[in-house]
Protein backbone atom coordinates (compact mmCIF):
# COMPACT_ATOMS: atom_id res chain seq x y z
CA UNK A 1 0.11 -0.03 -0.01
CA UNK A 2 1.97 2.96 -1.26
CA UNK A 3 -0.47 5.80 -0.58
CA UNK A 4 -3.07 5.15 2.14
CA UNK A 5 -4.71 8.53 2.14
CA UNK A 6 -7.99 7.17 0.88
CA UNK A 7 -7.90 4.50 3.66
CA UNK A 8 -7.15 7.11 6.22
CA UNK A 9 -9.97 9.38 5.03
CA UNK A 10 -12.44 6.63 5.16
CA UNK A 11 -11.49 5.79 8.69
CA UNK A 12 -11.98 9.35 9.67
CA UNK A 13 -15.33 9.63 7.88
CA UNK A 14 -16.53 6.42 9.51
CA UNK A 15 -15.60 7.81 12.88
CA UNK A 16 -17.26 11.18 12.15
CA UNK A 17 -20.46 9.28 11.09
CA UNK A 18 -20.72 7.80 14.57
CA UNK A 19 -20.93 11.19 16.16
CA UNK A 20 -24.34 11.65 18.01
CA UNK A 21 -26.43 14.43 16.58
CA UNK A 22 -23.99 15.01 13.70
CA UNK A 23 -24.91 18.35 12.14
CA UNK A 24 -25.14 18.82 8.34
CA UNK A 25 -21.79 18.03 6.70
CA UNK A 26 -20.15 19.81 3.81
CA UNK A 27 -18.18 16.73 2.58
CA UNK A 28 -15.05 17.17 0.47
CA UNK A 29 -15.76 17.64 -3.35
CA UNK A 30 -19.55 17.22 -2.74
CA UNK A 31 -21.95 20.08 -3.66
CA UNK A 32 -23.26 21.66 -0.41
CA UNK A 33 -25.30 24.79 0.21
CA UNK A 34 -25.53 25.84 3.81
CA UNK A 35 -28.97 26.69 5.28
CA UNK A 36 -29.04 30.23 6.75
CA UNK A 37 -29.10 29.88 10.60
CA UNK A 38 -28.33 26.14 10.67
CA UNK A 39 -24.96 24.87 12.01
CA UNK A 40 -22.80 22.60 9.75
CA UNK A 41 -19.35 21.29 9.68
CA UNK A 42 -16.63 20.92 6.92
CA UNK A 43 -14.11 18.04 7.28
CA UNK A 44 -10.93 17.87 5.29
CA UNK A 45 -8.14 15.48 5.29
CA UNK A 46 -4.73 17.37 5.01
CA UNK A 47 -2.09 14.66 4.46
CA UNK A 48 1.56 15.40 5.24
CA UNK A 49 4.70 14.06 3.69
CA UNK A 50 5.30 10.23 4.36
CA UNK A 51 8.59 9.21 5.54
CA UNK A 52 10.42 5.85 5.83
CA UNK A 53 9.78 4.11 9.09
CA UNK A 54 11.43 0.82 8.50
CA UNK A 55 14.32 -0.47 6.48
CA UNK A 56 14.08 -2.28 3.01
CA UNK A 57 11.63 -1.75 0.16
CA UNK A 58 8.94 -3.56 1.97
CA UNK A 59 9.29 -1.71 5.21
CA UNK A 60 6.60 0.55 6.43
CA UNK A 61 6.18 4.26 5.82
CA UNK A 62 5.02 6.66 8.53
CA UNK A 63 2.20 8.67 7.25
CA UNK A 64 1.27 11.93 9.03
CA UNK A 65 -1.30 14.67 8.59
CA UNK A 66 -4.21 16.50 10.10
CA UNK A 67 -7.92 15.81 9.84
CA UNK A 68 -9.58 19.21 10.23
CA UNK A 69 -13.18 19.71 11.08
CA UNK A 70 -14.26 23.32 10.70
CA UNK A 71 -17.52 24.12 12.64
CA UNK A 72 -19.72 26.85 11.22
CA UNK A 73 -22.24 28.43 13.46
CA UNK A 74 -24.74 31.19 12.77
CA UNK A 75 -23.38 34.67 13.68
CA UNK A 76 -24.94 36.57 16.61
CA UNK A 77 -26.15 33.49 18.45
CA UNK A 78 -23.59 33.36 21.28
CA UNK A 79 -21.01 30.73 21.98
CA UNK A 80 -22.72 28.16 24.08
CA UNK A 81 -23.99 25.88 21.29
CA UNK A 82 -20.75 26.27 19.30
CA UNK A 83 -18.61 25.48 22.43
CA UNK A 84 -20.70 22.49 23.23
CA UNK A 85 -20.31 21.08 19.68
CA UNK A 86 -16.60 21.99 19.65
CA UNK A 87 -16.00 20.20 22.84
CA UNK A 88 -17.84 17.15 21.92
CA UNK A 89 -16.08 16.70 18.59
CA UNK A 90 -12.76 17.12 20.35
CA UNK A 91 -13.69 14.41 22.84
CA UNK A 92 -14.92 12.12 19.95
CA UNK A 93 -11.33 12.41 18.46
CA UNK A 94 -9.44 12.52 21.62
CA UNK A 95 -5.91 11.22 21.80
CA UNK A 96 -5.83 7.45 21.80
CA UNK A 97 -9.14 6.91 19.86
CA UNK A 98 -8.60 3.75 17.87
CA UNK A 99 -9.12 4.03 14.03
CA UNK A 100 -8.46 1.00 12.00
CA UNK A 101 -9.34 0.61 8.31
CA UNK A 102 -8.15 -2.08 5.77
CA UNK A 103 -5.38 -3.13 8.15
CA UNK A 104 -4.11 0.39 8.68
CA UNK A 105 -3.89 1.60 12.26
CA UNK A 106 -4.28 5.25 12.70
CA UNK A 107 -3.03 6.79 15.86
CA UNK A 108 -4.64 10.14 16.88
CA UNK A 109 -1.92 12.20 18.62
CA UNK A 110 -3.95 15.29 19.72
CA UNK A 111 -7.19 17.13 19.05
CA UNK A 112 -7.71 20.71 19.66
CA UNK A 113 -9.62 23.91 18.69
CA UNK A 114 -8.24 26.93 17.02
CA UNK A 115 -9.59 30.38 17.59
CA UNK A 116 -13.14 31.45 16.61
CA UNK A 117 -13.26 33.57 13.49
CA UNK A 118 -15.89 35.81 12.35
CA UNK A 119 -17.51 35.85 8.83
CA UNK A 120 -20.57 37.97 7.85
CA UNK A 121 -23.26 35.36 8.66
CA UNK A 122 -21.13 32.74 10.32
CA UNK A 123 -18.60 32.20 12.91
CA UNK A 124 -16.28 29.20 12.54
CA UNK A 125 -13.85 27.25 14.67
CA UNK A 126 -11.24 24.89 13.17
CA UNK A 127 -10.63 21.56 15.11
CA UNK A 128 -7.29 20.13 14.28
CA UNK A 129 -6.83 16.34 14.77
CA UNK A 130 -3.15 15.26 14.19
CA UNK A 131 -2.56 11.61 13.37
CA UNK A 132 0.03 9.19 12.13
CA UNK A 133 -0.22 5.80 10.60
CA UNK A 134 2.24 3.02 9.47
CA UNK A 135 1.50 1.44 6.25
CA UNK A 136 3.56 -0.89 3.96
CA UNK A 137 5.48 0.71 1.12
């Protein structure tokens, strides 16, 4: 398995789909129109550069990256609902959460929220989930 990004993405999508009360999701490369006043999330896989983890042509590579989930919440509605959703998503992907897909074990190193940012009709908070996985070359 030379490039397991699709496997890693599938593992994160499967985990996200188990989130209780999942809001609307703007999936990657799928048309989406937000509904005014209704919270939604945008997940993205942001793979990093793989590196050699074991010797030899059949040795494993270390794949690193970020699964980012941006939460979009209606502007001028306070921060309680946004904060509750943010904290629940971070907990859902907390360090040590097991993710396995097609024989690839994905290890979550940390999950944390960035600062809240304001747009005209929305505020959004990016959640960063850093991971690594070992996969054969």
